[in-house]
Amino acid sequence: MSKVPKTLIKLDIDKLKLSLKKCIVGFEKLQYVIFSQLQVLKIRNAFPSNGIPIKFLENNGKNLKEIYICCNDKSFNLLNLAISKFCPMLRKLSTRIKNNELETLKIIFNSCKYLESIKIWCGGSFLSEKQALETVVKYSQNINELVLYHLYITQFILLPKELESFFINWSNRVPQKSLSLVIIVYLYEENTSLDKNDENIEIINKYIKLGVIKKFKVTDDYRYSI
């Protein structure tokens, strides 16, 4: 394959999906390409290094409406910050944020004002449910769907009073929007996600009846897409 020169090339493609490491090699060349119609970006199972995805977002982020990233990388926080900087029109985001990088999630909500749906990893070294819920209700502007993805065992159990507080604060938001709440529990039967507490389920049913919750779903399908 001939090398792509370090000049910008324009292509009309509205979706780009990359998976497995062999595809990521080609991504190094794509960083110099402008996809003028690109709206959906998906990266699974591998991660381009050396700041390549950041350069790609700088060239192509302004029209992106959906970003789905599922991979491990130490520089993930830099990518999240790049998303907040270069993707102002984003509607849907699936990403991971560590529990010591909570400020990054606040920055994303402040910069991506049109964001409607977000999938957040919980447990392990990632955010707790409490951190995720409190940040969403306080800093998001247009969110109407929240997906909490439990790949790891939850470290901090969400108390019923904390869940109730979240829904009270959500119902007081202006303008009012009903929320779709999805819990994904994967691999661990002993997972202690919020749906494992009967009192939490009672609270959820209460706010479904009040119209605060539009949809509530618990699934073990890690492929669930926002």
Protein backbone atom coordinates (compact mmCIF):
# COMPACT_ATOMS: atom_id res chain seq x y z
CA MET A 1 0.00 0.00 0.00
CA SER A 2 1.36 3.39 -0.93
CA LYS A 3 1.88 5.91 1.83
CA VAL A 4 -0.59 8.71 2.37
CA PRO A 5 1.32 12.00 2.21
CA LYS A 6 1.19 14.33 5.17
CA THR A 7 -1.29 16.58 3.44
CA LEU A 8 -5.02 16.68 3.97
CA ILE A 9 -7.25 14.56 1.73
CA LYS A 10 -11.04 14.94 1.66
CA LEU A 11 -13.39 11.94 1.49
CA ASP A 12 -17.18 11.76 1.75
CA ILE A 13 -17.85 9.01 4.31
CA ASP A 14 -20.41 9.35 7.10
CA LYS A 15 -19.38 6.35 9.25
CA LEU A 16 -15.97 4.94 10.17
CA LYS A 17 -15.54 1.75 12.21
CA LEU A 18 -12.16 0.36 13.24
CA SER A 19 -11.48 -2.83 15.17
CA LEU A 20 -8.54 -5.12 15.87
CA LYS A 21 -4.91 -4.04 15.79
CA LYS A 22 -4.38 -4.74 12.09
CA CYS A 23 -6.89 -2.00 11.27
CA ILE A 24 -5.25 0.46 13.62
CA VAL A 25 -2.06 0.44 11.55
CA GLY A 26 -4.02 2.04 8.73
CA PHE A 27 -5.41 4.60 11.14
CA GLU A 28 -1.98 6.22 11.25
CA LYS A 29 -2.53 7.22 7.63
CA LEU A 30 -6.13 8.27 8.20
CA GLN A 31 -5.08 11.00 10.61
CA TYR A 32 -4.19 13.12 7.58
CA VAL A 33 -7.53 12.54 5.84
CA ILE A 34 -10.54 14.83 6.17
CA PHE A 35 -13.85 12.98 6.08
CA SER A 36 -16.09 15.92 5.29
CA GLN A 37 -19.32 13.97 5.96
CA LEU A 38 -18.12 11.86 8.91
CA GLN A 39 -20.71 11.70 11.70
CA VAL A 40 -20.05 8.35 13.45
CA LEU A 41 -16.69 7.06 14.73
CA LYS A 42 -16.28 3.62 16.34
CA ILE A 43 -13.02 2.16 17.66
CA ARG A 44 -13.04 -1.29 19.28
CA ASN A 45 -10.46 -3.68 20.76
CA ALA A 46 -7.38 -1.60 19.95
CA PHE A 47 -6.13 1.93 20.22
CA PRO A 48 -3.95 4.07 17.94
CA SER A 49 -1.00 5.54 19.80
CA ASN A 50 1.23 8.60 19.70
CA GLY A 51 -1.59 11.13 19.65
CA ILE A 52 -2.93 9.85 16.32
CA PRO A 53 -6.63 9.84 17.30
CA ILE A 54 -6.29 13.36 18.69
CA LYS A 55 -4.97 14.60 15.35
CA PHE A 56 -7.78 12.72 13.63
CA LEU A 57 -10.37 14.43 15.85
CA GLU A 58 -8.77 17.80 15.21
CA ASN A 59 -9.33 17.25 11.48
CA ASN A 60 -12.70 15.50 11.65
CA GLY A 61 -14.34 16.20 15.01
CA LYS A 62 -16.45 19.23 14.16
CA ASN A 63 -19.15 17.20 12.36
CA LEU A 64 -19.07 14.08 14.54
CA LYS A 65 -22.38 13.26 16.20
CA GLU A 66 -21.55 9.83 17.64
CA ILE A 67 -18.33 8.44 19.15
CA TYR A 68 -18.00 4.91 20.51
CA ILE A 69 -14.64 3.84 21.93
CA CYS A 70 -14.03 0.48 23.61
CA CYS A 71 -10.36 -0.17 24.27
CA ASN A 72 -7.62 0.16 26.88
CA ASP A 73 -5.05 2.91 26.74
CA LYS A 74 -3.18 5.01 29.29
CA SER A 75 -3.79 8.17 27.28
CA PHE A 76 -7.57 7.80 27.32
CA ASN A 77 -7.97 10.98 29.35
CA LEU A 78 -6.19 12.96 26.63
CA LEU A 79 -8.60 11.54 24.09
CA ASN A 80 -11.60 12.54 26.21
CA LEU A 81 -10.22 16.06 26.47
CA ALA A 82 -9.73 16.10 22.70
CA ILE A 83 -13.36 15.05 22.26
CA SER A 84 -14.45 17.97 24.41
CA LYS A 85 -12.28 20.34 22.38
CA PHE A 86 -12.90 19.20 18.81
CA CYS A 87 -16.40 17.63 18.84
CA PRO A 88 -18.88 20.38 19.79
CA MET A 89 -21.81 18.84 17.86
CA LEU A 90 -21.65 15.44 19.58
CA ARG A 91 -24.98 13.75 20.39
CA LYS A 92 -23.88 10.31 21.60
CA LEU A 93 -20.74 9.27 23.44
CA SER A 94 -19.49 5.95 24.78
CA THR A 95 -16.26 6.30 26.72
CA ARG A 96 -14.48 5.51 29.97
CA ILE A 97 -13.33 7.91 32.65
CA LYS A 98 -11.26 6.95 35.67
CA ASN A 99 -12.36 7.93 39.16
CA ASN A 100 -9.49 10.42 39.47
CA GLU A 101 -10.42 12.12 36.17
CA LEU A 102 -13.91 13.29 37.08
CA GLU A 103 -13.08 16.84 36.01
CA THR A 104 -12.78 15.57 32.44
CA LEU A 105 -16.42 14.48 32.42
CA LYS A 106 -17.43 17.95 33.60
CA ILE A 107 -15.42 19.48 30.76
CA ILE A 108 -17.12 17.19 28.23
CA PHE A 109 -20.57 18.24 29.44
CA ASN A 110 -19.60 21.91 29.36
CA SER A 111 -18.16 21.74 25.84
CA CYS A 112 -20.49 19.22 24.18
CA LYS A 113 -23.71 21.10 24.86
CA TYR A 114 -25.81 18.98 22.48
CA LEU A 115 -24.86 15.64 24.06
CA GLU A 116 -28.04 13.59 24.53
CA SER A 117 -26.79 10.11 25.40
CA ILE A 118 -23.71 8.90 27.25
CA LYS A 119 -22.40 5.47 28.18
CA ILE A 120 -20.10 5.57 31.22
CA TRP A 121 -17.96 2.74 32.57
CA CYS A 122 -18.39 2.10 36.31
CA GLY A 123 -16.47 0.08 38.87
CA GLY A 124 -12.83 -0.89 39.24
CA SER A 125 -10.63 2.13 38.55
CA PHE A 126 -13.48 3.89 36.76
CA LEU A 127 -16.22 6.12 38.13
CA SER A 128 -18.55 4.93 40.85
CA GLU A 129 -22.28 5.09 40.17
CA LYS A 130 -22.55 7.98 42.62
CA GLN A 131 -19.85 9.97 40.82
CA ALA A 132 -21.48 9.34 37.45
CA LEU A 133 -25.01 10.24 38.58
CA GLU A 134 -24.02 13.37 40.50
CA THR A 135 -21.94 14.70 37.61
CA VAL A 136 -24.60 13.98 35.00
CA VAL A 137 -27.39 15.70 36.92
CA LYS A 138 -25.26 18.71 37.83
CA TYR A 139 -23.26 19.39 34.67
CA SER A 140 -24.99 17.83 31.65
CA GLN A 141 -27.25 20.08 29.60
CA ASN A 142 -29.25 17.92 27.17
CA ILE A 143 -28.76 14.34 28.36
CA ASN A 144 -31.87 12.16 28.13
CA GLU A 145 -30.20 8.72 28.17
CA LEU A 146 -27.64 7.45 30.66
CA VAL A 147 -26.00 4.04 30.33
CA LEU A 148 -23.92 2.72 33.24
CA TYR A 149 -21.65 -0.09 32.10
CA HIS A 150 -20.37 -2.43 34.81
CA LEU A 151 -17.49 -4.44 33.42
CA TYR A 152 -15.87 -4.62 36.85
CA ILE A 153 -17.12 -5.15 40.39
CA THR A 154 -18.56 -1.96 41.84
CA GLN A 155 -16.35 -0.63 44.63
CA PHE A 156 -18.84 1.74 46.21
CA ILE A 157 -22.45 0.62 46.58
CA LEU A 158 -25.00 3.31 45.71
CA LEU A 159 -27.30 3.92 48.66
CA PRO A 160 -31.06 4.33 48.11
CA LYS A 161 -30.97 7.86 49.55
CA GLU A 162 -28.29 8.77 46.99
CA LEU A 163 -30.39 7.40 44.14
CA GLU A 164 -33.46 9.24 45.44
CA SER A 165 -31.44 12.46 45.62
CA PHE A 166 -30.40 12.01 41.99
CA PHE A 167 -33.99 11.67 40.78
CA ILE A 168 -35.17 14.62 42.87
CA ASN A 169 -32.45 16.79 41.38
CA TRP A 170 -33.20 15.45 37.90
CA SER A 171 -36.90 16.29 38.22
CA ASN A 172 -35.96 19.86 39.22
CA ARG A 173 -33.88 20.48 36.10
CA VAL A 174 -34.99 23.15 33.66
CA PRO A 175 -36.13 22.30 31.07
CA GLN A 176 -37.53 19.03 32.37
CA LYS A 177 -36.68 15.88 30.40
CA SER A 178 -37.57 12.29 31.14
CA LEU A 179 -34.52 10.05 31.51
CA SER A 180 -33.77 6.66 30.01
CA LEU A 181 -31.56 4.73 32.45
CA VAL A 182 -29.79 1.57 31.30
CA ILE A 183 -27.63 -0.68 33.50
CA ILE A 184 -25.24 -3.09 31.79
CA VAL A 185 -23.81 -5.80 34.04
CA TYR A 186 -21.19 -7.98 32.38
CA LEU A 187 -19.21 -11.02 33.60
CA TYR A 188 -19.60 -10.68 37.36
CA GLU A 189 -22.63 -12.33 38.97
CA GLU A 190 -21.60 -10.80 42.29
CA ASN A 191 -21.75 -7.32 40.82
CA THR A 192 -23.34 -4.82 43.22
CA SER A 193 -24.75 -2.35 40.71
CA LEU A 194 -27.66 -0.20 41.85
CA ASP A 195 -30.30 -2.57 40.45
CA LYS A 196 -29.28 -5.29 42.94
CA ASN A 197 -30.90 -3.34 45.80
CA ASP A 198 -34.67 -3.89 46.16
CA GLU A 199 -35.14 -0.44 47.69
CA ASN A 200 -33.43 1.12 44.68
CA ILE A 201 -35.83 -0.71 42.38
CA GLU A 202 -38.77 0.63 44.40
CA ILE A 203 -37.40 4.15 43.98
CA ILE A 204 -36.97 3.63 40.24
CA ASN A 205 -40.55 2.35 39.89
CA LYS A 206 -41.76 5.39 41.83
CA TYR A 207 -40.10 7.79 39.39
CA ILE A 208 -41.28 5.81 36.39
CA LYS A 209 -44.85 6.43 37.58
CA LEU A 210 -44.05 10.12 38.09
CA GLY A 211 -42.75 10.36 34.52
CA VAL A 212 -39.22 11.26 35.57
CA ILE A 213 -37.90 7.99 34.12
CA LYS A 214 -38.93 7.27 30.54
CA LYS A 215 -37.24 3.87 30.31
CA PHE A 216 -35.37 1.60 32.71
CA LYS A 217 -33.48 -1.43 31.45
CA VAL A 218 -31.02 -3.92 32.93
CA THR A 219 -29.06 -6.07 30.49
CA ASP A 220 -25.97 -8.27 30.37
CA ASP A 221 -25.44 -7.48 26.70
CA TYR A 222 -22.16 -5.54 26.66
CA ARG A 223 -22.81 -4.75 23.00
CA TYR A 224 -25.82 -2.62 23.93
CA SER A 225 -25.45 0.51 21.86
CA ILE A 226 -26.66 3.94 22.87
